[in-house]
PDB file of N, CA and C in Angstrom:
ATOM      1  N   UNK A   1      -4.371  58.490  -9.842  1.00  0.00           N
ATOM      2  CA  UNK A   1      -4.335  59.528 -11.383  1.00  0.00           C
ATOM      3  C   UNK A   1      -2.706  60.097 -11.290  1.00  0.00           C
ATOM      4  N   UNK A   2      -1.886  60.224 -10.344  1.00  0.00           N
ATOM      5  CA  UNK A   2      -0.821  60.323 -10.396  1.00  0.00           C
ATOM      6  C   UNK A   2       0.310  59.461 -10.883  1.00  0.00           C
ATOM      7  N   UNK A   3      -0.038  58.339 -10.685  1.00  0.00           N
ATOM      8  CA  UNK A   3       0.678  56.976 -11.151  1.00  0.00           C
ATOM      9  C   UNK A   3       0.437  56.989 -12.842  1.00  0.00           C
ATOM     10  N   UNK A   4      -0.419  57.335 -13.534  1.00  0.00           N
ATOM     11  CA  UNK A   4      -0.643  57.664 -15.030  1.00  0.00           C
ATOM     12  C   UNK A   4       0.168  58.633 -15.694  1.00  0.00           C
ATOM     13  N   UNK A   5      -0.125  59.819 -14.927  1.00  0.00           N
ATOM     14  CA  UNK A   5       0.843  60.910 -15.298  1.00  0.00           C
ATOM     15  C   UNK A   5       2.384  60.477 -15.267  1.00  0.00           C
ATOM     16  N   UNK A   6       2.848  60.149 -14.054  1.00  0.00           N
ATOM     17  CA  UNK A   6       3.916  59.678 -13.978  1.00  0.00           C
ATOM     18  C   UNK A   6       4.266  58.583 -15.038  1.00  0.00           C
ATOM     19  N   UNK A   7       3.607  57.803 -15.416  1.00  0.00           N
ATOM     20  CA  UNK A   7       4.080  56.403 -16.422  1.00  0.00           C
ATOM     21  C   UNK A   7       4.283  57.452 -17.840  1.00  0.00           C
ATOM     22  N   UNK A   8       3.576  58.378 -18.032  1.00  0.00           N
ATOM     23  CA  UNK A   8       3.272  58.847 -19.310  1.00  0.00           C
ATOM     24  C   UNK A   8       4.439  59.976 -19.669  1.00  0.00           C
ATOM     25  N   UNK A   9       4.737  60.608 -18.225  1.00  0.00           N
ATOM     26  CA  UNK A   9       5.664  61.612 -18.229  1.00  0.00           C
ATOM     27  C   UNK A   9       7.125  61.218 -18.848  1.00  0.00           C
ATOM     28  N   UNK A  10       8.238  61.836 -20.073  1.00  0.00           N
ATOM     29  CA  UNK A  10       9.298  60.929 -20.141  1.00  0.00           C
ATOM     30  C   UNK A  10      10.239  61.603 -19.440  1.00  0.00           C
ATOM     31  N   UNK A  11      10.382  62.073 -18.144  1.00  0.00           N
ATOM     32  CA  UNK A  11      11.496  62.810 -17.620  1.00  0.00           C
ATOM     33  C   UNK A  11      11.278  61.788 -16.406  1.00  0.00           C
ATOM     34  N   UNK A  12      11.919  60.873 -15.649  1.00  0.00           N
ATOM     35  CA  UNK A  12      11.761  60.191 -14.370  1.00  0.00           C
ATOM     36  C   UNK A  12      12.296  60.824 -13.174  1.00  0.00           C
ATOM     37  N   UNK A  13      12.411  62.064 -13.062  1.00  0.00           N
ATOM     38  CA  UNK A  13      13.453  62.574 -11.803  1.00  0.00           C
ATOM     39  C   UNK A  13      12.250  63.160 -10.861  1.00  0.00           C
ATOM     40  N   UNK A  14      12.935  63.569  -9.771  1.00  0.00           N
ATOM     41  CA  UNK A  14      12.183  64.102  -8.730  1.00  0.00           C
ATOM     42  C   UNK A  14      10.872  63.950  -8.524  1.00  0.00           C
ATOM     43  N   UNK A  15      10.479  63.010  -8.293  1.00  0.00           N
ATOM     44  CA  UNK A  15       9.147  61.969  -7.918  1.00  0.00           C
ATOM     45  C   UNK A  15       8.316  62.426  -6.923  1.00  0.00           C
ATOM     46  N   UNK A  16       9.186  62.895  -6.039  1.00  0.00           N
ATOM     47  CA  UNK A  16       8.378  63.362  -4.865  1.00  0.00           C
ATOM     48  C   UNK A  16       7.875  64.930  -4.987  1.00  0.00           C
ATOM     49  N   UNK A  17       8.707  65.753  -5.435  1.00  0.00           N
ATOM     50  CA  UNK A  17       7.962  66.879  -5.554  1.00  0.00           C
ATOM     51  C   UNK A  17       7.381  66.972  -7.024  1.00  0.00           C
ATOM     52  N   UNK A  18       7.159  66.358  -7.875  1.00  0.00           N
ATOM     53  CA  UNK A  18       6.146  66.246  -8.922  1.00  0.00           C
ATOM     54  C   UNK A  18       4.815  65.650  -8.147  1.00  0.00           C
ATOM     55  N   UNK A  19       5.183  64.528  -7.480  1.00  0.00           N
ATOM     56  CA  UNK A  19       3.230  64.285  -6.634  1.00  0.00           C
ATOM     57  C   UNK A  19       3.233  65.239  -5.445  1.00  0.00           C
ATOM     58  N   UNK A  20       4.230  66.137  -5.302  1.00  0.00           N
ATOM     59  CA  UNK A  20       3.500  67.339  -4.221  1.00  0.00           C
ATOM     60  C   UNK A  20       2.978  68.238  -5.069  1.00  0.00           C
ATOM     61  N   UNK A  21       3.692  68.679  -6.745  1.00  0.00           N
ATOM     62  CA  UNK A  21       2.981  69.514  -7.647  1.00  0.00           C
ATOM     63  C   UNK A  21       1.823  68.862  -7.854  1.00  0.00           C
ATOM     64  N   UNK A  22       1.736  67.710  -8.298  1.00  0.00           N
ATOM     65  CA  UNK A  22       0.278  66.999  -8.870  1.00  0.00           C
ATOM     66  C   UNK A  22      -0.986  67.328  -7.454  1.00  0.00           C
ATOM     67  N   UNK A  23      -0.484  66.884  -6.250  1.00  0.00           N
ATOM     68  CA  UNK A  23      -1.444  66.966  -5.189  1.00  0.00           C
ATOM     69  C   UNK A  23      -2.027  68.363  -5.040  1.00  0.00           C
ATOM     70  N   UNK A  24      -1.578  69.470  -5.724  1.00  0.00           N
ATOM     71  CA  UNK A  24      -2.182  70.686  -5.690  1.00  0.00           C
ATOM     72  C   UNK A  24      -3.157  71.099  -6.433  1.00  0.00           C
ATOM     73  N   UNK A  25      -3.025  70.536  -7.569  1.00  0.00           N
ATOM     74  CA  UNK A  25      -3.934  70.621  -8.472  1.00  0.00           C
ATOM     75  C   UNK A  25      -5.187  70.235  -8.275  1.00  0.00           C
ATOM     76  N   UNK A  26      -6.355  71.009  -9.112  1.00  0.00           N
ATOM     77  CA  UNK A  26      -7.859  70.947  -8.787  1.00  0.00           C
ATOM     78  C   UNK A  26      -7.971  69.353  -9.955  1.00  0.00           C
ATOM     79  N   UNK A  27      -9.048  68.568  -9.353  1.00  0.00           N
ATOM     80  CA  UNK A  27      -9.121  67.461 -10.421  1.00  0.00           C
ATOM     81  C   UNK A  27      -9.109  67.891 -12.223  1.00  0.00           C
ATOM     82  N   UNK A  28      -9.595  68.914 -12.232  1.00  0.00           N
ATOM     83  CA  UNK A  28      -9.793  69.439 -13.618  1.00  0.00           C
ATOM     84  C   UNK A  28      -8.512  69.777 -14.128  1.00  0.00           C
ATOM     85  N   UNK A  29      -7.735  69.957 -13.512  1.00  0.00           N
ATOM     86  CA  UNK A  29      -6.066  70.404 -14.036  1.00  0.00           C
ATOM     87  C   UNK A  29      -5.570  69.013 -14.057  1.00  0.00           C
ATOM     88  N   UNK A  30      -5.908  68.238 -13.276  1.00  0.00           N
ATOM     89  CA  UNK A  30      -5.180  66.932 -13.507  1.00  0.00           C
ATOM     90  C   UNK A  30      -5.689  66.380 -14.268  1.00  0.00           C
ATOM     91  N   UNK A  31      -6.901  66.284 -14.905  1.00  0.00           N
ATOM     92  CA  UNK A  31      -7.139  65.553 -16.147  1.00  0.00           C
ATOM     93  C   UNK A  31      -6.693  65.904 -17.374  1.00  0.00           C
ATOM     94  N   UNK A  32      -6.428  67.448 -17.629  1.00  0.00           N
ATOM     95  CA  UNK A  32      -6.352  68.632 -18.527  1.00  0.00           C
ATOM     96  C   UNK A  32      -4.767  67.848 -18.277  1.00  0.00           C
ATOM     97  N   UNK A  33      -3.988  67.494 -17.283  1.00  0.00           N
ATOM     98  CA  UNK A  33      -2.461  67.473 -17.632  1.00  0.00           C
ATOM     99  C   UNK A  33      -2.245  66.330 -18.376  1.00  0.00           C
ATOM    100  N   UNK A  34      -2.637  65.044 -18.014  1.00  0.00           N
ATOM    101  CA  UNK A  34      -2.888  64.000 -18.583  1.00  0.00           C
ATOM    102  C   UNK A  34      -3.367  64.099 -19.988  1.00  0.00           C
ATOM    103  N   UNK A  35      -4.038  64.852 -20.412  1.00  0.00           N
ATOM    104  CA  UNK A  35      -4.817  64.858 -21.762  1.00  0.00           C
ATOM    105  C   UNK A  35      -4.114  65.553 -22.541  1.00  0.00           C
ATOM    106  N   UNK A  36      -3.359  66.542 -22.469  1.00  0.00           N
ATOM    107  CA  UNK A  36      -2.600  67.386 -23.254  1.00  0.00           C
ATOM    108  C   UNK A  36      -1.105  66.836 -23.495  1.00  0.00           C
ATOM    109  N   UNK A  37      -0.974  66.240 -22.241  1.00  0.00           N
ATOM    110  CA  UNK A  37       0.735  65.601 -22.416  1.00  0.00           C
ATOM    111  C   UNK A  37       1.081  65.126 -23.412  1.00  0.00           C
ATOM    112  N   UNK A  38       0.559  64.265 -23.796  1.00  0.00           N
ATOM    113  CA  UNK A  38       1.249  63.911 -25.016  1.00  0.00           C
ATOM    114  C   UNK A  38       1.185  64.517 -26.131  1.00  0.00           C
ATOM    115  N   UNK A  39       0.536  65.854 -26.585  1.00  0.00           N
ATOM    116  CA  UNK A  39       1.205  66.851 -27.477  1.00  0.00           C
ATOM    117  C   UNK A  39       2.337  67.454 -26.996  1.00  0.00           C
ATOM    118  N   UNK A  40       2.538  68.153 -25.713  1.00  0.00           N
ATOM    119  CA  UNK A  40       3.811  68.264 -25.164  1.00  0.00           C
ATOM    120  C   UNK A  40       4.794  67.553 -25.479  1.00  0.00           C
ATOM    121  N   UNK A  41       4.570  66.145 -25.378  1.00  0.00           N
ATOM    122  CA  UNK A  41       6.198  65.280 -25.517  1.00  0.00           C
ATOM    123  C   UNK A  41       6.390  65.296 -26.727  1.00  0.00           C
ATOM    124  N   UNK A  42       5.433  65.572 -27.992  1.00  0.00           N
ATOM    125  CA  UNK A  42       5.872  65.647 -29.080  1.00  0.00           C
ATOM    126  C   UNK A  42       6.893  66.425 -29.174  1.00  0.00           C
ATOM    127  N   UNK A  43       6.625  67.548 -28.657  1.00  0.00           N
ATOM    128  CA  UNK A  43       7.626  68.822 -29.092  1.00  0.00           C
ATOM    129  C   UNK A  43       8.768  68.500 -28.159  1.00  0.00           C
ATOM    130  N   UNK A  44       9.024  68.101 -27.509  1.00  0.00           N
ATOM    131  CA  UNK A  44      10.256  67.834 -26.567  1.00  0.00           C
ATOM    132  C   UNK A  44      11.325  66.921 -27.602  1.00  0.00           C
ATOM    133  N   UNK A  45      11.885  67.412 -28.379  1.00  0.00           N
ATOM    134  CA  UNK A  45      13.122  66.281 -29.254  1.00  0.00           C
ATOM    135  C   UNK A  45      14.271  66.474 -28.552  1.00  0.00           C
ATOM    136  N   UNK A  46      14.355  67.172 -27.701  1.00  0.00           N
ATOM    137  CA  UNK A  46      16.141  67.205 -26.880  1.00  0.00           C
ATOM    138  C   UNK A  46      15.705  66.792 -25.331  1.00  0.00           C
ATOM    139  N   UNK A  47      16.007  65.610 -25.162  1.00  0.00           N
ATOM    140  CA  UNK A  47      15.810  65.365 -23.897  1.00  0.00           C
ATOM    141  C   UNK A  47      16.395  65.980 -22.366  1.00  0.00           C
ATOM    142  N   UNK A  48      17.126  66.911 -22.778  1.00  0.00           N
ATOM    143  CA  UNK A  48      17.951  67.884 -22.181  1.00  0.00           C
ATOM    144  C   UNK A  48      16.941  69.142 -21.369  1.00  0.00           C
ATOM    145  N   UNK A  49      16.190  69.093 -22.585  1.00  0.00           N
ATOM    146  CA  UNK A  49      15.265  70.421 -22.409  1.00  0.00           C
ATOM    147  C   UNK A  49      13.548  70.185 -22.041  1.00  0.00           C
ATOM    148  N   UNK A  50      13.722  68.956 -21.388  1.00  0.00           N
ATOM    149  CA  UNK A  50      12.180  68.438 -21.173  1.00  0.00           C
ATOM    150  C   UNK A  50      12.126  68.974 -19.554  1.00  0.00           C
ATOM    151  N   UNK A  51      11.190  69.856 -19.267  1.00  0.00           N
ATOM    152  CA  UNK A  51      11.317  70.389 -18.048  1.00  0.00           C
ATOM    153  C   UNK A  51      11.062  68.967 -16.864  1.00  0.00           C
ATOM    154  N   UNK A  52      11.371  69.112 -15.640  1.00  0.00           N
ATOM    155  CA  UNK A  52      10.966  68.226 -14.703  1.00  0.00           C
ATOM    156  C   UNK A  52       9.880  68.504 -14.683  1.00  0.00           C
ATOM    157  N   UNK A  53       8.971  66.835 -14.105  1.00  0.00           N
ATOM    158  CA  UNK A  53       7.384  67.118 -14.217  1.00  0.00           C
ATOM    159  C   UNK A  53       7.061  67.936 -13.124  1.00  0.00           C
ATOM    160  N   UNK A  54       7.473  68.106 -11.942  1.00  0.00           N
ATOM    161  CA  UNK A  54       6.902  68.964 -11.031  1.00  0.00           C
ATOM    162  C   UNK A  54       7.332  70.497 -11.273  1.00  0.00           C
ATOM    163  N   UNK A  55       8.025  70.857 -12.057  1.00  0.00           N
ATOM    164  CA  UNK A  55       8.131  72.375 -12.555  1.00  0.00           C
ATOM    165  C   UNK A  55       7.206  72.257 -13.643  1.00  0.00           C
ATOM    166  N   UNK A  56       6.810  71.320 -14.716  1.00  0.00           N
ATOM    167  CA  UNK A  56       5.731  71.239 -15.553  1.00  0.00           C
ATOM    168  C   UNK A  56       4.343  71.368 -15.110  1.00  0.00           C
ATOM    169  N   UNK A  57       4.194  71.047 -13.717  1.00  0.00           N
ATOM    170  CA  UNK A  57       2.507  71.069 -13.299  1.00  0.00           C
ATOM    171  C   UNK A  57       2.489  72.216 -12.169  1.00  0.00           C
ATOM    172  N   UNK A  58       3.671  72.642 -11.799  1.00  0.00           N
ATOM    173  CA  UNK A  58       3.613  73.891 -10.841  1.00  0.00           C
ATOM    174  C   UNK A  58       3.506  75.315 -11.691  1.00  0.00           C
ATOM    175  N   UNK A  59       3.902  75.323 -12.986  1.00  0.00           N
ATOM    176  CA  UNK A  59       3.983  76.064 -13.534  1.00  0.00           C
ATOM    177  C   UNK A  59       2.425  75.981 -14.919  1.00  0.00           C
ATOM    178  N   UNK A  60       1.515  75.002 -14.420  1.00  0.00           N
ATOM    179  CA  UNK A  60       0.672  74.982 -15.066  1.00  0.00           C
ATOM    180  C   UNK A  60       0.663  74.903 -16.867  1.00  0.00           C
ATOM    181  N   UNK A  61       1.983  74.465 -17.624  1.00  0.00           N
ATOM    182  CA  UNK A  61       2.649  74.267 -18.387  1.00  0.00           C
ATOM    183  C   UNK A  61       1.484  73.487 -19.470  1.00  0.00           C
ATOM    184  N   UNK A  62       0.501  72.954 -18.695  1.00  0.00           N
ATOM    185  CA  UNK A  62      -0.473  72.127 -19.090  1.00  0.00           C
ATOM    186  C   UNK A  62      -1.600  73.207 -20.247  1.00  0.00           C
ATOM    187  N   UNK A  63      -1.423  74.163 -19.741  1.00  0.00           N
ATOM    188  CA  UNK A  63      -2.266  75.350 -20.214  1.00  0.00           C
ATOM    189  C   UNK A  63      -1.856  76.209 -21.171  1.00  0.00           C
ATOM    190  N   UNK A  64      -0.113  75.765 -21.625  1.00  0.00           N
ATOM    191  CA  UNK A  64       0.285  76.631 -22.571  1.00  0.00           C
ATOM    192  C   UNK A  64      -0.416  76.105 -23.821  1.00  0.00           C
ATOM    193  N   UNK A  65      -0.531  77.060 -24.793  1.00  0.00           N
ATOM    194  CA  UNK A  65      -0.764  77.374 -26.000  1.00  0.00           C
ATOM    195  C   UNK A  65       0.553  76.717 -26.822  1.00  0.00           C
ATOM    196  N   UNK A  66       0.635  75.842 -27.356  1.00  0.00           N
ATOM    197  CA  UNK A  66       1.559  75.440 -28.124  1.00  0.00           C
ATOM    198  C   UNK A  66       1.427  75.570 -29.964  1.00  0.00           C
ATOM    199  N   UNK A  67       2.969  76.156 -29.986  1.00  0.00           N
ATOM    200  CA  UNK A  67       2.939  76.013 -31.647  1.00  0.00           C
ATOM    201  C   UNK A  67       2.321  74.948 -32.424  1.00  0.00           C
ATOM    202  N   UNK A  68       2.485  75.287 -33.363  1.00  0.00           N
ATOM    203  CA  UNK A  68       2.207  74.109 -34.509  1.00  0.00           C
ATOM    204  C   UNK A  68       3.672  73.441 -34.827  1.00  0.00           C
ATOM    205  N   UNK A  69       3.228  72.632 -34.787  1.00  0.00           N
ATOM    206  CA  UNK A  69       4.768  71.747 -35.292  1.00  0.00           C
ATOM    207  C   UNK A  69       4.969  71.868 -36.726  1.00  0.00           C
ATOM    208  N   UNK A  70       6.087  72.449 -36.564  1.00  0.00           N
ATOM    209  CA  UNK A  70       6.486  72.849 -38.375  1.00  0.00           C
ATOM    210  C   UNK A  70       7.387  71.808 -38.495  1.00  0.00           C
ATOM    211  N   UNK A  71       7.383  70.962 -39.815  1.00  0.00           N
ATOM    212  CA  UNK A  71       8.082  70.018 -40.162  1.00  0.00           C
ATOM    213  C   UNK A  71       9.652  70.321 -40.429  1.00  0.00           C
ATOM    214  N   UNK A  72      10.790  69.657 -39.717  1.00  0.00           N
ATOM    215  CA  UNK A  72      11.852  70.321 -39.669  1.00  0.00           C
ATOM    216  C   UNK A  72      12.118  70.019 -41.414  1.00  0.00           C
ATOM    217  N   UNK A  73      11.905  69.507 -42.111  1.00  0.00           N
ATOM    218  CA  UNK A  73      11.992  69.012 -43.329  1.00  0.00           C
ATOM    219  C   UNK A  73      10.878  69.573 -44.237  1.00  0.00           C
ATOM    220  N   UNK A  74      11.304  70.191 -45.099  1.00  0.00           N
ATOM    221  CA  UNK A  74      10.300  70.542 -46.390  1.00  0.00           C
ATOM    222  C   UNK A  74      10.940  69.950 -47.976  1.00  0.00           C
ATOM    223  N   UNK A  75       9.684  69.639 -48.928  1.00  0.00           N
ATOM    224  CA  UNK A  75      10.296  69.473 -50.240  1.00  0.00           C
ATOM    225  C   UNK A  75      10.175  70.900 -50.867  1.00  0.00           C
ATOM    226  N   UNK A  76      10.923  71.278 -51.743  1.00  0.00           N
ATOM    227  CA  UNK A  76      10.944  72.803 -52.281  1.00  0.00           C
ATOM    228  C   UNK A  76      11.307  72.335 -53.962  1.00  0.00           C
ATOM    229  N   UNK A  77      10.785  73.424 -54.687  1.00  0.00           N
ATOM    230  CA  UNK A  77      10.766  73.232 -55.896  1.00  0.00           C
ATOM    231  C   UNK A  77      11.889  72.533 -56.411  1.00  0.00           C
ATOM    232  N   UNK A  78      11.648  72.218 -57.837  1.00  0.00           N
ATOM    233  CA  UNK A  78      12.842  71.510 -58.235  1.00  0.00           C
ATOM    234  C   UNK A  78      14.216  72.245 -58.687  1.00  0.00           C
ATOM    235  N   UNK A  79      13.489  73.517 -58.954  1.00  0.00           N
ATOM    236  CA  UNK A  79      14.866  74.258 -59.517  1.00  0.00           C
ATOM    237  C   UNK A  79      15.852  74.637 -58.106  1.00  0.00           C
ATOM    238  N   UNK A  80      15.001  75.019 -57.049  1.00  0.00           N
ATOM    239  CA  UNK A  80      15.538  75.121 -55.679  1.00  0.00           C
ATOM    240  C   UNK A  80      16.035  74.101 -55.318  1.00  0.00           C
ATOM    241  N   UNK A  81      15.644  72.917 -55.332  1.00  0.00           N
ATOM    242  CA  UNK A  81      16.414  71.714 -54.795  1.00  0.00           C
ATOM    243  C   UNK A  81      17.626  71.265 -55.801  1.00  0.00           C
ATOM    244  N   UNK A  82      17.551  71.469 -56.927  1.00  0.00           N
ATOM    245  CA  UNK A  82      18.644  71.172 -57.749  1.00  0.00           C
ATOM    246  C   UNK A  82      19.854  72.140 -57.334  1.00  0.00           C
ATOM    247  N   UNK A  83      19.785  73.412 -57.096  1.00  0.00           N
ATOM    248  CA  UNK A  83      20.429  74.338 -56.988  1.00  0.00           C
ATOM    249  C   UNK A  83      21.259  73.681 -55.333  1.00  0.00           C
ATOM    250  N   UNK A  84      20.701  73.406 -54.480  1.00  0.00           N
ATOM    251  CA  UNK A  84      20.831  73.120 -53.381  1.00  0.00           C
ATOM    252  C   UNK A  84      21.507  71.601 -53.348  1.00  0.00           C
ATOM    253  N   UNK A  85      21.236  70.806 -54.039  1.00  0.00           N
ATOM    254  CA  UNK A  85      22.276  69.732 -54.272  1.00  0.00           C
ATOM    255  C   UNK A  85      23.424  70.163 -54.739  1.00  0.00           C
ATOM    256  N   UNK A  86      23.412  71.122 -55.663  1.00  0.00           N
ATOM    257  CA  UNK A  86      24.740  71.347 -56.416  1.00  0.00           C
ATOM    258  C   UNK A  86      25.626  72.251 -55.056  1.00  0.00           C
ATOM    259  N   UNK A  87      24.954  73.027 -54.436  1.00  0.00           N
ATOM    260  CA  UNK A  87      25.368  74.183 -53.725  1.00  0.00           C
ATOM    261  C   UNK A  87      26.009  73.345 -52.432  1.00  0.00           C
ATOM    262  N   UNK A  88      24.915  72.501 -51.733  1.00  0.00           N
ATOM    263  CA  UNK A  88      25.581  72.261 -50.530  1.00  0.00           C
ATOM    264  C   UNK A  88      25.664  70.560 -50.246  1.00  0.00           C
ATOM    265  N   UNK A  89      25.374  69.773 -51.476  1.00  0.00           N
ATOM    266  CA  UNK A  89      25.375  68.418 -51.890  1.00  0.00           C
ATOM    267  C   UNK A  89      24.625  67.757 -51.315  1.00  0.00           C
ATOM    268  N   UNK A  90      23.503  67.958 -51.263  1.00  0.00           N
ATOM    269  CA  UNK A  90      22.627  67.302 -50.812  1.00  0.00           C
ATOM    270  C   UNK A  90      22.066  66.210 -51.892  1.00  0.00           C
ATOM    271  N   UNK A  91      21.666  65.201 -51.511  1.00  0.00           N
ATOM    272  CA  UNK A  91      21.407  64.076 -52.211  1.00  0.00           C
ATOM    273  C   UNK A  91      20.294  63.975 -52.654  1.00  0.00           C
ATOM    274  N   UNK A  92      19.101  64.378 -51.927  1.00  0.00           N
ATOM    275  CA  UNK A  92      17.976  64.364 -52.638  1.00  0.00           C
ATOM    276  C   UNK A  92      17.150  65.748 -52.643  1.00  0.00           C
ATOM    277  N   UNK A  93      15.583  65.358 -53.042  1.00  0.00           N
ATOM    278  CA  UNK A  93      14.843  66.593 -52.957  1.00  0.00           C
ATOM    279  C   UNK A  93      14.321  67.056 -51.706  1.00  0.00           C
ATOM    280  N   UNK A  94      14.405  66.502 -50.774  1.00  0.00           N
ATOM    281  CA  UNK A  94      13.946  66.976 -49.416  1.00  0.00           C
ATOM    282  C   UNK A  94      15.383  67.355 -48.614  1.00  0.00           C
ATOM    283  N   UNK A  95      15.338  68.894 -48.627  1.00  0.00           N
ATOM    284  CA  UNK A  95      16.524  69.534 -47.860  1.00  0.00           C
ATOM    285  C   UNK A  95      16.122  70.288 -46.684  1.00  0.00           C
ATOM    286  N   UNK A  96      17.014  70.335 -45.777  1.00  0.00           N
ATOM    287  CA  UNK A  96      17.155  71.113 -44.532  1.00  0.00           C
ATOM    288  C   UNK A  96      16.354  72.487 -45.050  1.00  0.00           C
ATOM    289  N   UNK A  97      15.809  72.545 -44.043  1.00  0.00           N
ATOM    290  CA  UNK A  97      14.868  74.463 -44.235  1.00  0.00           C
ATOM    291  C   UNK A  97      16.143  75.021 -44.178  1.00  0.00           C
ATOM    292  N   UNK A  98      16.943  75.356 -43.314  1.00  0.00           N
ATOM    293  CA  UNK A  98      18.061  76.504 -43.366  1.00  0.00           C
ATOM    294  C   UNK A  98      19.186  76.315 -44.383  1.00  0.00           C
ATOM    295  N   UNK A  99      19.177  74.926 -45.366  1.00  0.00           N
ATOM    296  CA  UNK A  99      19.720  75.315 -46.169  1.00  0.00           C
ATOM    297  C   UNK A  99      19.108  75.727 -47.501  1.00  0.00           C
ATOM    298  N   UNK A 100      17.857  75.360 -47.603  1.00  0.00           N
ATOM    299  CA  UNK A 100      16.908  76.163 -48.624  1.00  0.00           C
ATOM    300  C   UNK A 100      16.707  77.747 -48.802  1.00  0.00           C
ATOM    301  N   UNK A 101      16.630  78.033 -47.201  1.00  0.00           N
ATOM    302  CA  UNK A 101      16.843  79.555 -46.942  1.00  0.00           C
ATOM    303  C   UNK A 101      17.930  80.095 -46.912  1.00  0.00           C
ATOM    304  N   UNK A 102      18.910  79.794 -47.105  1.00  0.00           N
ATOM    305  CA  UNK A 102      20.394  80.339 -47.697  1.00  0.00           C
ATOM    306  C   UNK A 102      20.570  80.554 -49.186  1.00  0.00           C
ATOM    307  N   UNK A 103      19.772  79.826 -50.293  1.00  0.00           N
ATOM    308  CA  UNK A 103      19.267  80.367 -51.042  1.00  0.00           C
ATOM    309  C   UNK A 103      18.688  81.492 -51.602  1.00  0.00           C
ATOM    310  N   UNK A 104      17.803  82.093 -51.136  1.00  0.00           N
ATOM    311  CA  UNK A 104      17.182  83.272 -50.617  1.00  0.00           C
ATOM    312  C   UNK A 104      17.608  84.292 -51.439  1.00  0.00           C
TER     313      UNK A 104
END
């Protein structure tokens, strides 16, 4: 099962430490780690912030309650979109949330 975990984990560093951490886990925790890994991977959008696999396992991060993914872009009302286009030079109706908040 470690081979399956390792193949799915996006950061391929410190394999021996990861395998050592893996071997400490119960069978239930191993299954859970593999099961929830895809949802964690979707939240790691910057490779420099992906934890080492051994750290992720040792910290039982597979048990973490993950926040809901918030779309980094959102559609705003036509008037706010028009204001954003004129103020910030945005070219379409989908604007950065930070730019939309500056209008408030």
